[in-house]
C-alpha atoms as a PDB file:
ATOM      1  CA  MET A   1      56.093 121.833  -1.972  1.00  0.00           C
ATOM      2  CA  LEU A   2      55.853 125.161  -3.725  1.00  0.00           C
ATOM      3  CA  GLU A   3      57.226 128.265  -2.160  1.00  0.00           C
ATOM      4  CA  SER A   4      54.615 130.501  -0.630  1.00  0.00           C
ATOM      5  CA  ASN A   5      55.100 133.314  -3.186  1.00  0.00           C
ATOM      6  CA  THR A   6      54.708 130.907  -6.081  1.00  0.00           C
ATOM      7  CA  PHE A   7      51.595 129.439  -4.497  1.00  0.00           C
ATOM      8  CA  ARG A   8      50.114 132.903  -3.965  1.00  0.00           C
ATOM      9  CA  SER A   9      50.889 133.879  -7.562  1.00  0.00           C
ATOM     10  CA  MET A  10      49.230 130.738  -8.896  1.00  0.00           C
ATOM     11  CA  MET A  11      46.165 131.335  -6.700  1.00  0.00           C
ATOM     12  CA  LEU A  12      45.986 134.918  -8.010  1.00  0.00           C
ATOM     13  CA  VAL A  13      46.200 133.741 -11.623  1.00  0.00           C
ATOM     14  CA  GLY A  14      43.517 131.115 -10.977  1.00  0.00           C
ATOM     15  CA  GLY A  15      41.254 133.678  -9.334  1.00  0.00           C
ATOM     16  CA  VAL A  16      41.654 136.152 -12.161  1.00  0.00           C
ATOM     17  CA  MET A  17      40.925 133.451 -14.732  1.00  0.00           C
ATOM     18  CA  SER A  18      37.816 132.343 -12.841  1.00  0.00           C
ATOM     19  CA  LEU A  19      36.558 135.922 -12.611  1.00  0.00           C
ATOM     20  CA  ALA A  20      37.196 136.439 -16.331  1.00  0.00           C
ATOM     21  CA  ILE A  21      35.182 133.317 -17.176  1.00  0.00           C
ATOM     22  CA  ILE A  22      32.265 134.447 -15.008  1.00  0.00           C
ATOM     23  CA  ILE A  23      32.259 137.924 -16.588  1.00  0.00           C
ATOM     24  CA  ALA A  24      32.491 136.467 -20.110  1.00  0.00           C
ATOM     25  CA  CYS A  25      29.532 134.174 -19.408  1.00  0.00           C
ATOM     26  CA  PHE A  26      27.484 137.133 -18.143  1.00  0.00           C
ATOM     27  CA  PHE A  27      28.008 139.031 -21.401  1.00  0.00           C
ATOM     28  CA  ALA A  28      28.071 136.170 -23.928  1.00  0.00           C
ATOM     29  CA  THR A  29      26.090 133.149 -22.724  1.00  0.00           C
ATOM     30  CA  PRO A  30      22.322 133.158 -23.358  1.00  0.00           C
ATOM     31  CA  LEU A  31      20.660 132.596 -19.983  1.00  0.00           C
ATOM     32  CA  VAL A  32      17.141 134.072 -19.893  1.00  0.00           C
ATOM     33  CA  PRO A  33      14.475 132.432 -22.096  1.00  0.00           C
ATOM     34  CA  ILE A  34      11.977 134.780 -23.756  1.00  0.00           C
ATOM     35  CA  ASP A  35       8.663 134.221 -25.516  1.00  0.00           C
ATOM     36  CA  GLY A  36       7.214 136.010 -28.549  1.00  0.00           C
ATOM     37  CA  LYS A  37       5.586 138.891 -26.634  1.00  0.00           C
ATOM     38  CA  ALA A  38       8.703 139.584 -24.571  1.00  0.00           C
ATOM     39  CA  LYS A  39      10.800 139.456 -27.726  1.00  0.00           C
ATOM     40  CA  THR A  40       8.566 142.047 -29.394  1.00  0.00           C
ATOM     41  CA  ASN A  41       8.705 144.259 -26.300  1.00  0.00           C
ATOM     42  CA  TYR A  42      12.493 143.955 -26.158  1.00  0.00           C
ATOM     43  CA  GLU A  43      12.874 144.901 -29.817  1.00  0.00           C
ATOM     44  CA  ASN A  44      10.571 147.909 -29.416  1.00  0.00           C
ATOM     45  CA  VAL A  45      12.165 149.271 -26.241  1.00  0.00           C
ATOM     46  CA  MET A  46      15.791 148.581 -27.111  1.00  0.00           C
ATOM     47  CA  ALA A  47      15.505 149.345 -30.871  1.00  0.00           C
ATOM     48  CA  ALA A  48      17.407 146.150 -31.619  1.00  0.00           C
ATOM     49  CA  ASP A  49      16.662 143.125 -33.767  1.00  0.00           C
ATOM     50  CA  LEU A  50      17.054 139.796 -31.970  1.00  0.00           C
ATOM     51  CA  GLY A  51      16.573 137.692 -35.082  1.00  0.00           C
ATOM     52  CA  ASP A  52      15.527 134.134 -34.290  1.00  0.00           C
ATOM     53  CA  THR A  53      17.093 133.902 -30.828  1.00  0.00           C
ATOM     54  CA  GLU A  54      15.056 132.501 -27.940  1.00  0.00           C
ATOM     55  CA  HIS A  55      17.302 133.670 -25.061  1.00  0.00           C
ATOM     56  CA  LEU A  56      18.866 136.856 -23.729  1.00  0.00           C
ATOM     57  CA  THR A  57      22.226 137.202 -22.036  1.00  0.00           C
ATOM     58  CA  GLY A  58      22.377 138.366 -18.443  1.00  0.00           C
ATOM     59  CA  TYR A  59      23.578 141.793 -19.535  1.00  0.00           C
ATOM     60  CA  GLN A  60      20.774 142.198 -22.077  1.00  0.00           C
ATOM     61  CA  SER A  61      18.115 141.191 -19.568  1.00  0.00           C
ATOM     62  CA  ILE A  62      19.357 143.622 -16.882  1.00  0.00           C
ATOM     63  CA  LEU A  63      19.654 146.469 -19.380  1.00  0.00           C
ATOM     64  CA  PHE A  64      16.144 145.714 -20.675  1.00  0.00           C
ATOM     65  CA  ALA A  65      14.745 145.689 -17.132  1.00  0.00           C
ATOM     66  CA  ILE A  66      16.288 149.089 -16.394  1.00  0.00           C
ATOM     67  CA  LYS A  67      15.156 150.747 -19.628  1.00  0.00           C
ATOM     68  CA  GLY A  68      11.771 149.042 -19.632  1.00  0.00           C
ATOM     69  CA  LYS A  69      11.005 150.068 -16.068  1.00  0.00           C
ATOM     70  CA  THR A  70      11.849 153.720 -16.666  1.00  0.00           C
ATOM     71  CA  ARG A  71       9.880 153.831 -19.917  1.00  0.00           C
ATOM     72  CA  GLY A  72       6.980 151.823 -18.531  1.00  0.00           C
ATOM     73  CA  SER A  73       6.371 154.200 -15.628  1.00  0.00           C
ATOM     74  CA  VAL A  74       5.500 157.138 -17.905  1.00  0.00           C
ATOM     75  CA  ASP A  75       1.765 157.840 -17.732  1.00  0.00           C
ATOM     76  CA  HIS A  76       0.144 159.154 -20.918  1.00  0.00           C
ATOM     77  CA  TYR A  77      -3.133 160.918 -20.313  1.00  0.00           C
END
């Protein structure tokens, strides 16, 4: 059986690796499907070209929700 310090070190390394994978998936893996209207809205609000992609990453969708909500609440009369 492993010594307790070695076991704790290996558990720490495993935990850090798991957290790194989760964070990488949040920023890199396309998760949220979008349609044509949402894609146009995203490109207008974020001033970014999505190309031919059909999905947004988790980070892109949260950032779009924050910017879109603040810009969408402005009333023009």
